[in-house]
Amino acid sequence: MSFSRIIQQLLIPSTFILVLGIIGLVFLFFTKKKKIGKILLVVGIVFYYFFSIAPVSNLILSPLEKPYSFLEIENINEANKIVVLLGGSESNILRGSEALRIYHLRNGDIKIIISGTDPLLSTSEEALGVKRFFMNRGVKENNIIIEGRSKNTWENIRNVKELVEEKPFFLVTSAYHMKRSLEEFQKLEANPIPAPTDFKIKKEKHNFFDFMPNAQNLRNSNLAFHEYFGILYYWVIGL
């Protein structure tokens, strides 16, 4: 695991809240500076509350998701390839479903490129699983291309660019991941057409229950922090 990935993991809300809590407990029970321990625990609880409620998680996600919307039917003939960036089992189902929608709207007259693999598992068959998902739903095998070398977004973009060159293609990924993906493709003068899915912001107006802590909201905050870190990291190192 790279140093940048470790830093990224430490900065997402669920991890640094846990770290704050552990440090607070150490101060509280194993040192004489109990006041510091209490402060850290209270700060951890406050952070947990805010990052676990819908208004805050949606606010963080909004700059990532709001610029994009589902691909409209009238734009369905603008490209002859679909690129699906893999992102874990849950996201893959939604990303695969969007690619499938485009495929059938085009009556099968389009290629699907599946890009990515599990960065922590060299023997990952994630791409093959998505390929089977497509084939079981009517996609012809010779219309599916697997790019199974990429372990992160930066590698996705470079490896896919070799396959699509400068021709337009539909880019299917989660809405929160679209901004970073588009920016990296555009740096290589590729021509992606956004086809986002897996939107995490479900509604604009909030009710009383949206201010109650929820694990899904915390997960959404984690995803947003992950993306912001990726955007910043690529900018800092000049990728």
C-alpha atoms as a PDB file:
ATOM      1  CA  MET A   1       0.000   0.000   0.000  1.00  0.00           C
ATOM      2  CA  SER A   2       1.439   3.385  -1.040  1.00  0.00           C
ATOM      3  CA  PHE A   3       2.135   6.221   1.386  1.00  0.00           C
ATOM      4  CA  SER A   4      -0.451   8.427  -0.342  1.00  0.00           C
ATOM      5  CA  ARG A   5      -3.124   5.747   0.115  1.00  0.00           C
ATOM      6  CA  ILE A   6      -2.341   5.537   3.839  1.00  0.00           C
ATOM      7  CA  ILE A   7      -2.615   9.331   4.197  1.00  0.00           C
ATOM      8  CA  GLN A   8      -5.847   9.284   2.219  1.00  0.00           C
ATOM      9  CA  GLN A   9      -7.315   6.619   4.492  1.00  0.00           C
ATOM     10  CA  LEU A  10      -6.332   8.551   7.622  1.00  0.00           C
ATOM     11  CA  LEU A  11      -8.048  11.706   6.355  1.00  0.00           C
ATOM     12  CA  ILE A  12     -11.477  10.260   5.640  1.00  0.00           C
ATOM     13  CA  PRO A  13     -13.985  11.117   8.396  1.00  0.00           C
ATOM     14  CA  SER A  14     -14.634   7.618   9.747  1.00  0.00           C
ATOM     15  CA  THR A  15     -10.894   7.002  10.251  1.00  0.00           C
ATOM     16  CA  PHE A  16      -9.858  10.298  11.815  1.00  0.00           C
ATOM     17  CA  ILE A  17     -12.909  10.210  14.098  1.00  0.00           C
ATOM     18  CA  LEU A  18     -11.777   6.778  15.296  1.00  0.00           C
ATOM     19  CA  VAL A  19      -8.220   8.045  15.747  1.00  0.00           C
ATOM     20  CA  LEU A  20      -9.482  11.041  17.737  1.00  0.00           C
ATOM     21  CA  GLY A  21     -11.489   8.708  19.970  1.00  0.00           C
ATOM     22  CA  ILE A  22      -8.559   6.367  20.605  1.00  0.00           C
ATOM     23  CA  ILE A  23      -6.182   9.224  21.424  1.00  0.00           C
ATOM     24  CA  GLY A  24      -8.846  10.753  23.674  1.00  0.00           C
ATOM     25  CA  LEU A  25      -9.249   7.472  25.584  1.00  0.00           C
ATOM     26  CA  VAL A  26      -5.480   7.165  25.985  1.00  0.00           C
ATOM     27  CA  PHE A  27      -5.280  10.654  27.501  1.00  0.00           C
ATOM     28  CA  LEU A  28      -8.326  10.003  29.657  1.00  0.00           C
ATOM     29  CA  PHE A  29      -7.280   6.669  31.166  1.00  0.00           C
ATOM     30  CA  PHE A  30      -3.500   6.504  30.872  1.00  0.00           C
ATOM     31  CA  THR A  31      -2.265  10.045  31.487  1.00  0.00           C
ATOM     32  CA  LYS A  32      -2.886  12.843  33.942  1.00  0.00           C
ATOM     33  CA  LYS A  33      -4.115  15.146  31.174  1.00  0.00           C
ATOM     34  CA  LYS A  34      -7.694  13.947  31.387  1.00  0.00           C
ATOM     35  CA  LYS A  35      -9.080  17.280  30.188  1.00  0.00           C
ATOM     36  CA  ILE A  36      -7.361  16.834  26.827  1.00  0.00           C
ATOM     37  CA  GLY A  37      -8.852  13.352  26.595  1.00  0.00           C
ATOM     38  CA  LYS A  38     -12.359  14.671  27.260  1.00  0.00           C
ATOM     39  CA  ILE A  39     -11.939  17.432  24.680  1.00  0.00           C
ATOM     40  CA  LEU A  40     -10.767  14.977  22.020  1.00  0.00           C
ATOM     41  CA  LEU A  41     -13.678  12.642  22.729  1.00  0.00           C
ATOM     42  CA  VAL A  42     -16.181  15.490  22.495  1.00  0.00           C
ATOM     43  CA  VAL A  43     -14.608  16.727  19.253  1.00  0.00           C
ATOM     44  CA  GLY A  44     -14.784  13.179  17.860  1.00  0.00           C
ATOM     45  CA  ILE A  45     -18.473  12.897  18.755  1.00  0.00           C
ATOM     46  CA  VAL A  46     -19.217  16.286  17.156  1.00  0.00           C
ATOM     47  CA  PHE A  47     -17.401  15.313  13.966  1.00  0.00           C
ATOM     48  CA  TYR A  48     -19.215  11.982  13.911  1.00  0.00           C
ATOM     49  CA  TYR A  49     -22.574  13.724  14.198  1.00  0.00           C
ATOM     50  CA  PHE A  50     -21.951  16.284  11.473  1.00  0.00           C
ATOM     51  CA  PHE A  51     -20.445  13.883   8.936  1.00  0.00           C
ATOM     52  CA  SER A  52     -23.259  11.380   9.603  1.00  0.00           C
ATOM     53  CA  ILE A  53     -26.217  13.632   8.783  1.00  0.00           C
ATOM     54  CA  ALA A  54     -27.650  14.093   5.299  1.00  0.00           C
ATOM     55  CA  PRO A  55     -27.429  17.914   5.075  1.00  0.00           C
ATOM     56  CA  VAL A  56     -23.671  17.849   5.684  1.00  0.00           C
ATOM     57  CA  SER A  57     -22.822  14.792   3.560  1.00  0.00           C
ATOM     58  CA  ASN A  58     -24.929  16.191   0.704  1.00  0.00           C
ATOM     59  CA  LEU A  59     -23.241  19.573   1.021  1.00  0.00           C
ATOM     60  CA  ILE A  60     -19.818  17.924   0.713  1.00  0.00           C
ATOM     61  CA  LEU A  61     -20.905  15.790  -2.241  1.00  0.00           C
ATOM     62  CA  SER A  62     -22.731  18.549  -4.076  1.00  0.00           C
ATOM     63  CA  PRO A  63     -19.724  20.077  -5.952  1.00  0.00           C
ATOM     64  CA  LEU A  64     -18.820  16.586  -7.172  1.00  0.00           C
ATOM     65  CA  GLU A  65     -22.272  15.419  -8.312  1.00  0.00           C
ATOM     66  CA  LYS A  66     -24.285  18.520  -9.200  1.00  0.00           C
ATOM     67  CA  PRO A  67     -22.560  19.364 -12.518  1.00  0.00           C
ATOM     68  CA  TYR A  68     -23.649  16.024 -14.014  1.00  0.00           C
ATOM     69  CA  SER A  69     -26.908  14.302 -14.932  1.00  0.00           C
ATOM     70  CA  PHE A  70     -27.965  11.010 -16.505  1.00  0.00           C
ATOM     71  CA  LEU A  71     -27.138  10.589 -20.178  1.00  0.00           C
ATOM     72  CA  GLU A  72     -30.144  11.613 -22.260  1.00  0.00           C
ATOM     73  CA  ILE A  73     -31.520   9.387 -25.013  1.00  0.00           C
ATOM     74  CA  GLU A  74     -31.012  12.109 -27.648  1.00  0.00           C
ATOM     75  CA  ASN A  75     -27.239  11.893 -27.017  1.00  0.00           C
ATOM     76  CA  ILE A  76     -27.070   8.129 -27.399  1.00  0.00           C
ATOM     77  CA  ASN A  77     -25.440   8.194 -30.868  1.00  0.00           C
ATOM     78  CA  GLU A  78     -22.559  10.504 -30.002  1.00  0.00           C
ATOM     79  CA  ALA A  79     -20.052   7.668 -29.430  1.00  0.00           C
ATOM     80  CA  ASN A  80     -19.522   4.001 -30.297  1.00  0.00           C
ATOM     81  CA  LYS A  81     -17.705   2.918 -27.132  1.00  0.00           C
ATOM     82  CA  ILE A  82     -18.650   2.771 -23.448  1.00  0.00           C
ATOM     83  CA  VAL A  83     -15.935   2.873 -20.796  1.00  0.00           C
ATOM     84  CA  VAL A  84     -16.941   1.477 -17.397  1.00  0.00           C
ATOM     85  CA  LEU A  85     -14.556   2.321 -14.552  1.00  0.00           C
ATOM     86  CA  LEU A  86     -14.783  -0.336 -11.846  1.00  0.00           C
ATOM     87  CA  GLY A  87     -15.254   0.808  -8.258  1.00  0.00           C
ATOM     88  CA  GLY A  88     -16.177  -2.084  -5.981  1.00  0.00           C
ATOM     89  CA  SER A  89     -19.063  -4.552  -5.932  1.00  0.00           C
ATOM     90  CA  GLU A  90     -21.898  -2.164  -5.029  1.00  0.00           C
ATOM     91  CA  SER A  91     -20.858   0.556  -7.481  1.00  0.00           C
ATOM     92  CA  ASN A  92     -20.119  -1.979 -10.213  1.00  0.00           C
ATOM     93  CA  ILE A  93     -23.751  -3.113 -10.288  1.00  0.00           C
ATOM     94  CA  LEU A  94     -24.997   0.441 -10.791  1.00  0.00           C
ATOM     95  CA  ARG A  95     -22.244   1.346 -13.250  1.00  0.00           C
ATOM     96  CA  GLY A  96     -22.831  -1.877 -15.154  1.00  0.00           C
ATOM     97  CA  SER A  97     -26.573  -1.218 -15.268  1.00  0.00           C
ATOM     98  CA  GLU A  98     -26.022   2.208 -16.827  1.00  0.00           C
ATOM     99  CA  ALA A  99     -23.668   0.748 -19.444  1.00  0.00           C
ATOM    100  CA  LEU A 100     -26.275  -1.925 -20.148  1.00  0.00           C
ATOM    101  CA  ARG A 101     -28.950   0.723 -20.624  1.00  0.00           C
ATOM    102  CA  ILE A 102     -26.815   2.530 -23.185  1.00  0.00           C
ATOM    103  CA  TYR A 103     -25.939  -0.749 -24.921  1.00  0.00           C
ATOM    104  CA  HIS A 104     -29.563  -1.760 -25.400  1.00  0.00           C
ATOM    105  CA  LEU A 105     -30.632   1.747 -26.439  1.00  0.00           C
ATOM    106  CA  ARG A 106     -28.055   1.377 -29.191  1.00  0.00           C
ATOM    107  CA  ASN A 107     -29.400  -2.101 -30.045  1.00  0.00           C
ATOM    108  CA  GLY A 108     -26.006  -3.650 -29.326  1.00  0.00           C
ATOM    109  CA  ASP A 109     -24.168  -1.463 -31.824  1.00  0.00           C
ATOM    110  CA  ILE A 110     -21.489  -0.333 -29.357  1.00  0.00           C
ATOM    111  CA  LYS A 111     -18.404  -1.706 -27.574  1.00  0.00           C
ATOM    112  CA  ILE A 112     -18.029  -1.842 -23.782  1.00  0.00           C
ATOM    113  CA  ILE A 113     -14.593  -1.420 -22.198  1.00  0.00           C
ATOM    114  CA  ILE A 114     -14.329  -2.599 -18.588  1.00  0.00           C
ATOM    115  CA  SER A 115     -11.400  -0.914 -16.848  1.00  0.00           C
ATOM    116  CA  GLY A 116      -9.874  -1.669 -13.448  1.00  0.00           C
ATOM    117  CA  THR A 117      -9.014  -4.285 -10.881  1.00  0.00           C
ATOM    118  CA  ASP A 118      -8.781  -4.580  -7.103  1.00  0.00           C
ATOM    119  CA  PRO A 119      -5.582  -2.693  -6.084  1.00  0.00           C
ATOM    120  CA  LEU A 120      -5.086  -4.943  -3.055  1.00  0.00           C
ATOM    121  CA  LEU A 121      -5.714  -8.280  -4.752  1.00  0.00           C
ATOM    122  CA  SER A 122      -3.475  -9.285  -7.662  1.00  0.00           C
ATOM    123  CA  THR A 123      -5.731 -12.240  -8.519  1.00  0.00           C
ATOM    124  CA  SER A 124      -8.915 -10.142  -8.636  1.00  0.00           C
ATOM    125  CA  GLU A 125     -11.570 -11.268 -11.127  1.00  0.00           C
ATOM    126  CA  GLU A 126     -13.684  -8.146 -10.677  1.00  0.00           C
ATOM    127  CA  ALA A 127     -13.631  -7.286 -14.386  1.00  0.00           C
ATOM    128  CA  LEU A 128     -14.546 -10.869 -15.339  1.00  0.00           C
ATOM    129  CA  GLY A 129     -17.487 -10.696 -12.944  1.00  0.00           C
ATOM    130  CA  VAL A 130     -18.771  -7.557 -14.645  1.00  0.00           C
ATOM    131  CA  LYS A 131     -18.224  -9.177 -18.043  1.00  0.00           C
ATOM    132  CA  ARG A 132     -20.412 -12.112 -16.950  1.00  0.00           C
ATOM    133  CA  PHE A 133     -22.999  -9.594 -15.702  1.00  0.00           C
ATOM    134  CA  PHE A 134     -23.159  -8.110 -19.209  1.00  0.00           C
ATOM    135  CA  MET A 135     -23.205 -11.425 -21.057  1.00  0.00           C
ATOM    136  CA  ASN A 136     -25.998 -12.776 -18.863  1.00  0.00           C
ATOM    137  CA  ARG A 137     -28.059  -9.777 -19.940  1.00  0.00           C
ATOM    138  CA  GLY A 138     -27.617 -10.100 -23.668  1.00  0.00           C
ATOM    139  CA  VAL A 139     -24.319  -8.361 -24.430  1.00  0.00           C
ATOM    140  CA  LYS A 140     -22.311 -10.232 -27.051  1.00  0.00           C
ATOM    141  CA  GLU A 141     -18.864 -11.357 -25.884  1.00  0.00           C
ATOM    142  CA  ASN A 142     -17.087  -9.790 -28.857  1.00  0.00           C
ATOM    143  CA  ASN A 143     -18.554  -6.424 -27.825  1.00  0.00           C
ATOM    144  CA  ILE A 144     -16.752  -6.535 -24.460  1.00  0.00           C
ATOM    145  CA  ILE A 145     -13.134  -5.478 -23.934  1.00  0.00           C
ATOM    146  CA  ILE A 146     -11.409  -5.969 -20.577  1.00  0.00           C
ATOM    147  CA  GLU A 147      -8.668  -3.587 -19.469  1.00  0.00           C
ATOM    148  CA  GLY A 148      -7.714  -5.360 -16.266  1.00  0.00           C
ATOM    149  CA  ARG A 149      -4.370  -3.773 -15.391  1.00  0.00           C
ATOM    150  CA  SER A 150      -5.457  -0.494 -13.806  1.00  0.00           C
ATOM    151  CA  LYS A 151      -5.331  -0.270 -10.013  1.00  0.00           C
ATOM    152  CA  ASN A 152      -6.317   3.395  -9.621  1.00  0.00           C
ATOM    153  CA  THR A 153      -7.912   6.270 -11.520  1.00  0.00           C
ATOM    154  CA  TRP A 154      -4.615   7.531 -12.930  1.00  0.00           C
ATOM    155  CA  GLU A 155      -3.898   4.115 -14.475  1.00  0.00           C
ATOM    156  CA  ASN A 156      -7.514   3.791 -15.687  1.00  0.00           C
ATOM    157  CA  ILE A 157      -7.174   6.960 -17.704  1.00  0.00           C
ATOM    158  CA  ARG A 158      -3.802   6.098 -19.286  1.00  0.00           C
ATOM    159  CA  ASN A 159      -4.732   2.534 -20.197  1.00  0.00           C
ATOM    160  CA  VAL A 160      -8.182   3.424 -21.531  1.00  0.00           C
ATOM    161  CA  LYS A 161      -6.739   6.266 -23.633  1.00  0.00           C
ATOM    162  CA  GLU A 162      -4.723   3.662 -25.555  1.00  0.00           C
ATOM    163  CA  LEU A 163      -7.986   1.919 -26.461  1.00  0.00           C
ATOM    164  CA  VAL A 164     -10.178   4.902 -27.337  1.00  0.00           C
ATOM    165  CA  GLU A 165      -7.481   7.237 -28.710  1.00  0.00           C
ATOM    166  CA  GLU A 166      -9.130  10.606 -29.454  1.00  0.00           C
ATOM    167  CA  LYS A 167     -12.578   9.337 -30.418  1.00  0.00           C
ATOM    168  CA  PRO A 168     -15.591  10.233 -28.226  1.00  0.00           C
ATOM    169  CA  PHE A 169     -16.759   7.621 -25.733  1.00  0.00           C
ATOM    170  CA  PHE A 170     -19.348   7.370 -22.986  1.00  0.00           C
ATOM    171  CA  LEU A 171     -17.690   7.434 -19.573  1.00  0.00           C
ATOM    172  CA  VAL A 172     -19.669   5.454 -16.999  1.00  0.00           C
ATOM    173  CA  THR A 173     -18.695   5.893 -13.363  1.00  0.00           C
ATOM    174  CA  SER A 174     -20.304   7.028 -10.118  1.00  0.00           C
ATOM    175  CA  ALA A 175     -21.385  10.669 -10.176  1.00  0.00           C
ATOM    176  CA  TYR A 176     -19.092  11.568  -7.274  1.00  0.00           C
ATOM    177  CA  HIS A 177     -16.114  10.147  -9.212  1.00  0.00           C
ATOM    178  CA  MET A 178     -16.939  11.835 -12.532  1.00  0.00           C
ATOM    179  CA  LYS A 179     -15.185  15.167 -11.917  1.00  0.00           C
ATOM    180  CA  ARG A 180     -11.765  13.633 -11.244  1.00  0.00           C
ATOM    181  CA  SER A 181     -12.116  11.127 -14.090  1.00  0.00           C
ATOM    182  CA  LEU A 182     -13.112  13.752 -16.639  1.00  0.00           C
ATOM    183  CA  GLU A 183     -10.298  16.083 -15.642  1.00  0.00           C
ATOM    184  CA  GLU A 184      -7.693  13.348 -16.043  1.00  0.00           C
ATOM    185  CA  PHE A 185      -9.036  12.217 -19.420  1.00  0.00           C
ATOM    186  CA  GLN A 186      -9.142  15.784 -20.692  1.00  0.00           C
ATOM    187  CA  LYS A 187      -5.497  16.310 -19.722  1.00  0.00           C
ATOM    188  CA  LEU A 188      -4.662  13.559 -22.239  1.00  0.00           C
ATOM    189  CA  GLU A 189      -6.908  15.192 -24.858  1.00  0.00           C
ATOM    190  CA  ALA A 190      -9.383  12.335 -24.731  1.00  0.00           C
ATOM    191  CA  ASN A 191     -13.066  13.029 -25.423  1.00  0.00           C
ATOM    192  CA  PRO A 192     -15.238  11.485 -22.703  1.00  0.00           C
ATOM    193  CA  ILE A 193     -18.988  12.047 -22.652  1.00  0.00           C
ATOM    194  CA  PRO A 194     -20.257  11.882 -19.038  1.00  0.00           C
ATOM    195  CA  ALA A 195     -22.711   9.063 -18.331  1.00  0.00           C
ATOM    196  CA  PRO A 196     -22.860   9.221 -14.512  1.00  0.00           C
ATOM    197  CA  THR A 197     -24.747   6.873 -12.249  1.00  0.00           C
ATOM    198  CA  ASP A 198     -24.798   5.883  -8.563  1.00  0.00           C
ATOM    199  CA  PHE A 199     -25.840   9.355  -7.380  1.00  0.00           C
ATOM    200  CA  LYS A 200     -25.545   9.637  -3.598  1.00  0.00           C
ATOM    201  CA  ILE A 201     -27.564  12.835  -3.138  1.00  0.00           C
ATOM    202  CA  LYS A 202     -31.156  11.618  -3.082  1.00  0.00           C
ATOM    203  CA  LYS A 203     -33.052  14.817  -2.337  1.00  0.00           C
ATOM    204  CA  GLU A 204     -32.669  18.575  -2.028  1.00  0.00           C
ATOM    205  CA  LYS A 205     -34.919  19.323   0.948  1.00  0.00           C
ATOM    206  CA  HIS A 206     -34.387  17.760   4.355  1.00  0.00           C
ATOM    207  CA  ASN A 207     -36.757  16.747   7.110  1.00  0.00           C
ATOM    208  CA  PHE A 208     -36.237  16.142  10.817  1.00  0.00           C
ATOM    209  CA  PHE A 209     -34.972  12.587  10.349  1.00  0.00           C
ATOM    210  CA  ASP A 210     -32.238  13.723   7.982  1.00  0.00           C
ATOM    211  CA  PHE A 211     -30.570  15.358  10.977  1.00  0.00           C
ATOM    212  CA  MET A 212     -30.236  11.998  12.694  1.00  0.00           C
ATOM    213  CA  PRO A 213     -26.848  10.208  12.347  1.00  0.00           C
ATOM    214  CA  ASN A 214     -26.835   7.542   9.675  1.00  0.00           C
ATOM    215  CA  ALA A 215     -24.060   5.163   8.601  1.00  0.00           C
ATOM    216  CA  GLN A 216     -24.798   5.723   4.900  1.00  0.00           C
ATOM    217  CA  ASN A 217     -24.299   9.466   5.290  1.00  0.00           C
ATOM    218  CA  LEU A 218     -20.937   8.852   6.969  1.00  0.00           C
ATOM    219  CA  ARG A 219     -19.979   6.566   4.085  1.00  0.00           C
ATOM    220  CA  ASN A 220     -20.967   9.273   1.597  1.00  0.00           C
ATOM    221  CA  SER A 221     -18.781  11.762   3.466  1.00  0.00           C
ATOM    222  CA  ASN A 222     -15.924   9.248   3.238  1.00  0.00           C
ATOM    223  CA  LEU A 223     -16.424   8.942  -0.525  1.00  0.00           C
ATOM    224  CA  ALA A 224     -16.394  12.714  -0.956  1.00  0.00           C
ATOM    225  CA  PHE A 225     -13.189  13.112   1.081  1.00  0.00           C
ATOM    226  CA  HIS A 226     -11.620  10.308  -0.959  1.00  0.00           C
ATOM    227  CA  GLU A 227     -12.378  12.193  -4.177  1.00  0.00           C
ATOM    228  CA  TYR A 228     -11.216  15.589  -2.912  1.00  0.00           C
ATOM    229  CA  PHE A 229      -7.970  14.034  -1.731  1.00  0.00           C
ATOM    230  CA  GLY A 230      -7.488  12.395  -5.152  1.00  0.00           C
ATOM    231  CA  ILE A 231      -8.108  15.664  -6.992  1.00  0.00           C
ATOM    232  CA  LEU A 232      -5.705  17.544  -4.708  1.00  0.00           C
ATOM    233  CA  TYR A 233      -3.072  14.812  -4.841  1.00  0.00           C
ATOM    234  CA  TYR A 234      -3.067  14.699  -8.649  1.00  0.00           C
ATOM    235  CA  TRP A 235      -2.805  18.487  -8.744  1.00  0.00           C
ATOM    236  CA  VAL A 236       0.094  18.593  -6.261  1.00  0.00           C
ATOM    237  CA  ILE A 237       2.186  15.947  -8.034  1.00  0.00           C
ATOM    238  CA  GLY A 238       1.285  17.286 -11.463  1.00  0.00           C
ATOM    239  CA  LEU A 239      -0.608  14.309 -12.882  1.00  0.00           C
END
